[in-house]
C-alpha atoms as a PDB file:
ATOM      1  CA  MET A   1     -12.704  -2.373   1.519  1.00  0.00           C
ATOM      2  CA  HIS A   2     -13.209  -2.596  -2.211  1.00  0.00           C
ATOM      3  CA  SER A   3     -16.647  -2.077  -3.701  1.00  0.00           C
ATOM      4  CA  ASN A   4     -18.445   0.100  -6.191  1.00  0.00           C
ATOM      5  CA  THR A   5     -21.671   0.074  -4.194  1.00  0.00           C
ATOM      6  CA  ALA A   6     -22.674   3.491  -2.905  1.00  0.00           C
ATOM      7  CA  SER A   7     -24.494   4.026   0.387  1.00  0.00           C
ATOM      8  CA  PRO A   8     -25.920   7.033   2.228  1.00  0.00           C
ATOM      9  CA  THR A   9     -22.601   7.313   4.071  1.00  0.00           C
ATOM     10  CA  ALA A  10     -21.014   8.496   0.840  1.00  0.00           C
ATOM     11  CA  THR A  11     -23.177  11.644   0.821  1.00  0.00           C
ATOM     12  CA  ARG A  12     -21.645  12.983   4.051  1.00  0.00           C
ATOM     13  CA  PRO A  13     -18.753  15.471   3.854  1.00  0.00           C
ATOM     14  CA  PHE A  14     -15.211  14.151   4.021  1.00  0.00           C
ATOM     15  CA  THR A  15     -11.919  15.965   4.470  1.00  0.00           C
ATOM     16  CA  LEU A  16      -8.587  14.702   3.200  1.00  0.00           C
ATOM     17  CA  ARG A  17      -5.525  15.770   5.142  1.00  0.00           C
ATOM     18  CA  ARG A  18      -1.962  14.787   5.843  1.00  0.00           C
ATOM     19  CA  ALA A  19      -1.515  12.574   8.875  1.00  0.00           C
ATOM     20  CA  THR A  20       0.350  14.027  11.843  1.00  0.00           C
ATOM     21  CA  GLU A  21       2.240  12.402  14.700  1.00  0.00           C
ATOM     22  CA  GLY A  22      -0.883  12.590  16.832  1.00  0.00           C
ATOM     23  CA  ASP A  23      -2.715  10.373  14.331  1.00  0.00           C
ATOM     24  CA  LEU A  24      -0.310   7.434  14.688  1.00  0.00           C
ATOM     25  CA  ASP A  25      -2.435   5.315  17.028  1.00  0.00           C
ATOM     26  CA  GLY A  26      -5.538   5.830  14.908  1.00  0.00           C
ATOM     27  CA  VAL A  27      -3.687   4.925  11.723  1.00  0.00           C
ATOM     28  CA  LEU A  28      -2.212   1.788  13.282  1.00  0.00           C
ATOM     29  CA  ALA A  29      -5.666   0.722  14.484  1.00  0.00           C
ATOM     30  CA  LEU A  30      -7.225   1.285  11.063  1.00  0.00           C
ATOM     31  CA  LEU A  31      -4.479  -0.661   9.302  1.00  0.00           C
ATOM     32  CA  ALA A  32      -4.675  -3.455  11.879  1.00  0.00           C
ATOM     33  CA  GLU A  33      -8.425  -3.727  11.361  1.00  0.00           C
ATOM     34  CA  THR A  34      -7.940  -4.001   7.611  1.00  0.00           C
ATOM     35  CA  ALA A  35      -5.029  -6.435   7.947  1.00  0.00           C
ATOM     36  CA  GLY A  36      -7.085  -8.691  10.204  1.00  0.00           C
ATOM     37  CA  TRP A  37      -9.980  -8.619   7.776  1.00  0.00           C
ATOM     38  CA  LEU A  38      -7.682  -9.525   4.869  1.00  0.00           C
ATOM     39  CA  ASN A  39      -5.977 -12.328   6.749  1.00  0.00           C
ATOM     40  CA  ARG A  40      -9.282 -13.864   7.834  1.00  0.00           C
ATOM     41  CA  ARG A  41     -10.013 -14.153   4.120  1.00  0.00           C
ATOM     42  CA  GLY A  42      -6.705 -15.804   3.377  1.00  0.00           C
ATOM     43  CA  VAL A  43      -4.968 -12.702   1.996  1.00  0.00           C
ATOM     44  CA  ARG A  44      -1.465 -12.502   3.503  1.00  0.00           C
ATOM     45  CA  GLN A  45      -0.302  -9.267   1.921  1.00  0.00           C
ATOM     46  CA  TRP A  46      -0.162  -7.409   5.252  1.00  0.00           C
ATOM     47  CA  PRO A  47       0.956  -8.687   8.701  1.00  0.00           C
ATOM     48  CA  ALA A  48      -2.015 -10.267  10.470  1.00  0.00           C
ATOM     49  CA  ASP A  49      -1.760  -7.852  13.413  1.00  0.00           C
ATOM     50  CA  GLY A  50      -1.107  -4.782  11.289  1.00  0.00           C
ATOM     51  CA  PHE A  51       2.079  -2.780  10.911  1.00  0.00           C
ATOM     52  CA  PRO A  52       4.543  -1.784  13.610  1.00  0.00           C
ATOM     53  CA  ALA A  53       4.816   1.912  14.345  1.00  0.00           C
ATOM     54  CA  GLY A  54       8.271   1.932  12.780  1.00  0.00           C
ATOM     55  CA  ARG A  55       6.755   1.240   9.374  1.00  0.00           C
ATOM     56  CA  ILE A  56       4.230   4.070   9.585  1.00  0.00           C
ATOM     57  CA  THR A  57       6.055   6.841  11.436  1.00  0.00           C
ATOM     58  CA  PRO A  58       8.409   7.561   8.486  1.00  0.00           C
ATOM     59  CA  LEU A  59       5.431   7.974   6.149  1.00  0.00           C
ATOM     60  CA  ILE A  60       3.939  10.540   8.514  1.00  0.00           C
ATOM     61  CA  GLY A  61       7.283  12.301   8.850  1.00  0.00           C
ATOM     62  CA  GLU A  62       7.691  12.491   5.075  1.00  0.00           C
ATOM     63  CA  GLY A  63       4.199  13.948   4.692  1.00  0.00           C
ATOM     64  CA  VAL A  64       3.023  11.224   2.307  1.00  0.00           C
ATOM     65  CA  LEU A  65       0.390   9.531   4.482  1.00  0.00           C
ATOM     66  CA  TYR A  66      -3.134  10.936   4.174  1.00  0.00           C
ATOM     67  CA  LEU A  67      -6.270  10.446   6.222  1.00  0.00           C
ATOM     68  CA  LEU A  68      -9.869  10.852   5.171  1.00  0.00           C
ATOM     69  CA  ASP A  69     -11.993  12.292   7.992  1.00  0.00           C
ATOM     70  CA  ARG A  70     -15.771  12.076   8.043  1.00  0.00           C
ATOM     71  CA  GLU A  71     -17.662  15.058   9.372  1.00  0.00           C
ATOM     72  CA  ASP A  72     -21.131  15.105  10.898  1.00  0.00           C
ATOM     73  CA  GLY A  73     -21.288  18.797  10.119  1.00  0.00           C
ATOM     74  CA  PRO A  74     -19.080  21.857   9.633  1.00  0.00           C
ATOM     75  CA  GLY A  75     -16.229  21.716  12.107  1.00  0.00           C
ATOM     76  CA  ARG A  76     -17.447  18.435  13.648  1.00  0.00           C
ATOM     77  CA  PRO A  77     -15.014  15.741  12.493  1.00  0.00           C
ATOM     78  CA  VAL A  78     -15.805  12.161  13.520  1.00  0.00           C
ATOM     79  CA  GLY A  79     -12.328  10.864  12.784  1.00  0.00           C
ATOM     80  CA  PRO A  80     -10.384   9.019  10.083  1.00  0.00           C
ATOM     81  CA  VAL A  81     -12.306   6.454   8.053  1.00  0.00           C
ATOM     82  CA  ALA A  82      -9.659   5.740   5.410  1.00  0.00           C
ATOM     83  CA  THR A  83      -5.957   6.108   4.817  1.00  0.00           C
ATOM     84  CA  VAL A  84      -3.605   6.077   1.852  1.00  0.00           C
ATOM     85  CA  ALA A  85       0.063   6.792   1.280  1.00  0.00           C
ATOM     86  CA  LEU A  86       1.116   8.350  -2.012  1.00  0.00           C
ATOM     87  CA  ASP A  87       4.747   8.937  -2.912  1.00  0.00           C
ATOM     88  CA  GLY A  88       7.394   8.513  -5.565  1.00  0.00           C
ATOM     89  CA  HIS A  89       8.967   5.438  -3.979  1.00  0.00           C
ATOM     90  CA  ALA A  90       9.166   2.592  -6.479  1.00  0.00           C
ATOM     91  CA  ASP A  91       9.856  -0.680  -4.659  1.00  0.00           C
ATOM     92  CA  PRO A  92      13.150  -1.833  -6.230  1.00  0.00           C
ATOM     93  CA  GLU A  93      12.159  -5.482  -5.896  1.00  0.00           C
ATOM     94  CA  PHE A  94       9.207  -4.875  -8.201  1.00  0.00           C
ATOM     95  CA  TRP A  95       9.857  -1.880 -10.461  1.00  0.00           C
ATOM     96  CA  THR A  96      12.820  -1.898 -12.838  1.00  0.00           C
ATOM     97  CA  ARG A  97      14.685   0.780 -14.760  1.00  0.00           C
ATOM     98  CA  GLY A  98      12.683  -0.233 -17.819  1.00  0.00           C
ATOM     99  CA  ASP A  99       9.494   0.839 -16.018  1.00  0.00           C
ATOM    100  CA  ASP A 100      10.830   4.407 -15.764  1.00  0.00           C
ATOM    101  CA  PRO A 101      10.086   4.525 -12.013  1.00  0.00           C
ATOM    102  CA  GLY A 102      10.297   8.313 -11.848  1.00  0.00           C
ATOM    103  CA  SER A 103       7.337   8.710 -14.197  1.00  0.00           C
ATOM    104  CA  ALA A 104       4.820   7.535 -11.575  1.00  0.00           C
ATOM    105  CA  LEU A 105       3.385   8.013  -8.124  1.00  0.00           C
ATOM    106  CA  TYR A 106       2.849   4.894  -6.015  1.00  0.00           C
ATOM    107  CA  VAL A 107      -0.089   3.973  -3.797  1.00  0.00           C
ATOM    108  CA  HIS A 108       0.580   2.245  -0.467  1.00  0.00           C
ATOM    109  CA  LYS A 109      -1.412   1.453   2.673  1.00  0.00           C
ATOM    110  CA  LEU A 110      -4.830   2.015   1.111  1.00  0.00           C
ATOM    111  CA  ALA A 111      -7.369   1.041   3.773  1.00  0.00           C
ATOM    112  CA  VAL A 112     -11.012   1.826   4.525  1.00  0.00           C
ATOM    113  CA  ALA A 113     -12.654   1.296   7.916  1.00  0.00           C
ATOM    114  CA  ARG A 114     -14.931  -1.741   7.888  1.00  0.00           C
ATOM    115  CA  ASP A 115     -17.991   0.300   8.852  1.00  0.00           C
ATOM    116  CA  HIS A 116     -17.437   2.392   5.702  1.00  0.00           C
ATOM    117  CA  ALA A 117     -16.784  -0.516   3.351  1.00  0.00           C
ATOM    118  CA  GLY A 118     -18.773  -0.488   0.140  1.00  0.00           C
ATOM    119  CA  THR A 119     -19.233   3.301   0.038  1.00  0.00           C
ATOM    120  CA  GLY A 120     -16.729   4.066  -2.708  1.00  0.00           C
ATOM    121  CA  LEU A 121     -14.080   5.684  -0.519  1.00  0.00           C
ATOM    122  CA  GLY A 122     -11.296   3.553  -1.975  1.00  0.00           C
ATOM    123  CA  GLU A 123     -12.270   4.561  -5.496  1.00  0.00           C
ATOM    124  CA  ALA A 124     -12.414   8.220  -4.476  1.00  0.00           C
ATOM    125  CA  LEU A 125      -8.932   8.093  -2.968  1.00  0.00           C
ATOM    126  CA  LEU A 126      -7.570   6.466  -6.099  1.00  0.00           C
ATOM    127  CA  ASP A 127      -9.107   9.237  -8.202  1.00  0.00           C
ATOM    128  CA  TRP A 128      -7.575  11.840  -5.917  1.00  0.00           C
ATOM    129  CA  ALA A 129      -4.217  10.101  -6.293  1.00  0.00           C
ATOM    130  CA  GLY A 130      -4.668  10.129 -10.063  1.00  0.00           C
ATOM    131  CA  LEU A 131      -5.173  13.881  -9.992  1.00  0.00           C
ATOM    132  CA  ARG A 132      -2.010  14.283  -7.925  1.00  0.00           C
ATOM    133  CA  VAL A 133      -0.125  12.408 -10.643  1.00  0.00           C
ATOM    134  CA  LEU A 134      -1.082  15.102 -13.141  1.00  0.00           C
ATOM    135  CA  THR A 135      -0.475  17.939 -10.685  1.00  0.00           C
ATOM    136  CA  LEU A 136       3.104  16.771 -10.147  1.00  0.00           C
ATOM    137  CA  GLY A 137       3.772  16.264 -13.851  1.00  0.00           C
ATOM    138  CA  LYS A 138       3.908  12.480 -13.706  1.00  0.00           C
ATOM    139  CA  ARG A 139       2.360   9.968 -16.099  1.00  0.00           C
ATOM    140  CA  TRP A 140       1.292   6.888 -14.130  1.00  0.00           C
ATOM    141  CA  LEU A 141      -0.439   5.886 -10.920  1.00  0.00           C
ATOM    142  CA  ARG A 142       0.991   2.559  -9.786  1.00  0.00           C
ATOM    143  CA  LEU A 143       0.609  -0.009  -7.028  1.00  0.00           C
ATOM    144  CA  ASP A 144       1.450  -3.570  -6.114  1.00  0.00           C
ATOM    145  CA  CYS A 145      -0.964  -5.980  -4.463  1.00  0.00           C
ATOM    146  CA  SER A 146      -1.262  -9.595  -3.378  1.00  0.00           C
ATOM    147  CA  LYS A 147      -0.145 -11.947  -6.119  1.00  0.00           C
ATOM    148  CA  ASP A 148      -2.554 -14.656  -4.867  1.00  0.00           C
ATOM    149  CA  ASN A 149      -5.741 -12.603  -4.555  1.00  0.00           C
ATOM    150  CA  PRO A 150      -7.710 -12.554  -7.834  1.00  0.00           C
ATOM    151  CA  GLY A 151     -10.563 -10.700  -6.132  1.00  0.00           C
ATOM    152  CA  LEU A 152      -8.375  -7.760  -5.173  1.00  0.00           C
ATOM    153  CA  GLN A 153      -6.723  -7.770  -8.568  1.00  0.00           C
ATOM    154  CA  GLY A 154     -10.154  -7.735 -10.169  1.00  0.00           C
ATOM    155  CA  TYR A 155     -11.064  -4.688  -8.105  1.00  0.00           C
ATOM    156  CA  TYR A 156      -8.112  -2.755  -9.477  1.00  0.00           C
ATOM    157  CA  ARG A 157      -8.948  -3.833 -13.002  1.00  0.00           C
ATOM    158  CA  ARG A 158     -12.447  -2.435 -12.489  1.00  0.00           C
ATOM    159  CA  GLN A 159     -10.787   0.826 -11.502  1.00  0.00           C
ATOM    160  CA  ARG A 160      -9.145   0.787 -14.952  1.00  0.00           C
ATOM    161  CA  PHE A 161      -5.740  -0.318 -13.778  1.00  0.00           C
ATOM    162  CA  THR A 162      -3.789  -2.530 -16.160  1.00  0.00           C
ATOM    163  CA  HIS A 163      -1.934  -5.563 -14.864  1.00  0.00           C
ATOM    164  CA  LEU A 164       1.654  -5.266 -16.055  1.00  0.00           C
ATOM    165  CA  ARG A 165       3.153  -8.439 -14.611  1.00  0.00           C
ATOM    166  CA  THR A 166       3.469 -10.452 -11.428  1.00  0.00           C
ATOM    167  CA  VAL A 167       6.824 -10.646  -9.679  1.00  0.00           C
ATOM    168  CA  ASP A 168       6.897 -13.891  -7.705  1.00  0.00           C
ATOM    169  CA  LEU A 169       9.367 -13.547  -4.852  1.00  0.00           C
ATOM    170  CA  PRO A 170       9.160 -16.200  -2.110  1.00  0.00           C
ATOM    171  CA  HIS A 171       9.566 -13.652   0.697  1.00  0.00           C
ATOM    172  CA  ARG A 172       6.893 -11.245  -0.601  1.00  0.00           C
ATOM    173  CA  ALA A 173       3.136 -11.823  -0.523  1.00  0.00           C
ATOM    174  CA  SER A 174       2.674  -8.868  -2.834  1.00  0.00           C
ATOM    175  CA  GLY A 175       3.934  -8.750  -6.402  1.00  0.00           C
ATOM    176  CA  ALA A 176       1.024  -8.157  -8.812  1.00  0.00           C
ATOM    177  CA  LEU A 177       1.918  -4.846 -10.459  1.00  0.00           C
ATOM    178  CA  PHE A 178      -0.739  -2.473 -11.766  1.00  0.00           C
ATOM    179  CA  GLN A 179      -0.794   0.982 -13.307  1.00  0.00           C
ATOM    180  CA  ARG A 180      -3.188   3.418 -14.942  1.00  0.00           C
ATOM    181  CA  PRO A 181      -2.710   6.890 -16.460  1.00  0.00           C
ATOM    182  CA  GLY A 182      -2.986   9.882 -14.184  1.00  0.00           C
ATOM    183  CA  GLY A 183      -6.330  11.627 -13.841  1.00  0.00           C
ATOM    184  CA  LEU A 184      -9.856  10.537 -12.997  1.00  0.00           C
ATOM    185  CA  ARG A 185     -10.350   6.949 -14.073  1.00  0.00           C
ATOM    186  CA  ALA A 186     -12.632   5.287 -11.527  1.00  0.00           C
ATOM    187  CA  ARG A 187     -15.993   3.995 -12.730  1.00  0.00           C
ATOM    188  CA  ALA A 188     -18.486   6.771 -12.058  1.00  0.00           C
ATOM    189  CA  SER A 189     -21.860   5.857 -10.594  1.00  0.00           C
ATOM    190  CA  GLY A 190     -23.242   9.373 -10.856  1.00  0.00           C
ATOM    191  CA  LEU A 191     -22.790  10.075  -7.143  1.00  0.00           C
ATOM    192  CA  ALA A 192     -20.296  12.836  -6.338  1.00  0.00           C
ATOM    193  CA  LEU A 193     -18.276  12.400  -3.170  1.00  0.00           C
ATOM    194  CA  PRO A 194     -17.087  15.815  -1.942  1.00  0.00           C
ATOM    195  CA  ILE A 195     -13.572  15.549  -0.569  1.00  0.00           C
ATOM    196  CA  SER A 196     -12.097  18.810   0.623  1.00  0.00           C
ATOM    197  CA  ASP A 197      -8.302  18.774   0.430  1.00  0.00           C
ATOM    198  CA  ARG A 198      -7.001  20.830   3.335  1.00  0.00           C
ATOM    199  CA  ARG A 199      -4.016  22.036   1.348  1.00  0.00           C
ATOM    200  CA  GLY A 200      -6.410  24.473  -0.276  1.00  0.00           C
ATOM    201  CA  SER A 201      -8.265  22.782  -3.129  1.00  0.00           C
ATOM    202  CA  SER A 202     -11.644  21.084  -3.190  1.00  0.00           C
ATOM    203  CA  VAL A 203     -11.589  17.993  -5.366  1.00  0.00           C
ATOM    204  CA  PRO A 204     -14.891  16.381  -6.451  1.00  0.00           C
ATOM    205  CA  GLU A 205     -14.149  12.686  -6.387  1.00  0.00           C
ATOM    206  CA  HIS A 206     -16.457  10.167  -8.024  1.00  0.00           C
ATOM    207  CA  VAL A 207     -17.573   6.973  -6.313  1.00  0.00           C
END
């Protein structure tokens, strides 16, 4: 899920698009795969069996859930290999008025299919999200992650996120709060990952 190691998979074309109602089953399966993988490693941030449809359907309806499709060639999509939600919702249990919640966009549900792990897709999606921050006139890209997973926290630090604080609530597995300025900040390896944004712009993301 989180690696800076590039592979030949990363040279294939990818298309980023908003998820639709017809994508729900595929999204749930991808998130369940990732949740199972995390839980087998002792990370309890997500439910072991994935999320119920009721948690994902609103994200699709609001137009804030995105899928990354891999293509074998022009017009030949293989299907979604990663997902991310990006919105202005600051979790009130974590982000306070002093954080100026409206100055940021927030990453949720970032997941990469296991057979595409280690190809830099997570980094590319974070860079895309960073560009959206600037496009919408915001300042920060923010997220929360497992408070008991130093490996995952280390990954975000390598992506130039800064750890702000950890909010330790007994009913929340998450709580480690991170942010970085908007724009391209991921560690570049010299390999360009072409992500075509179907809303009309082509964004060269860096693995």
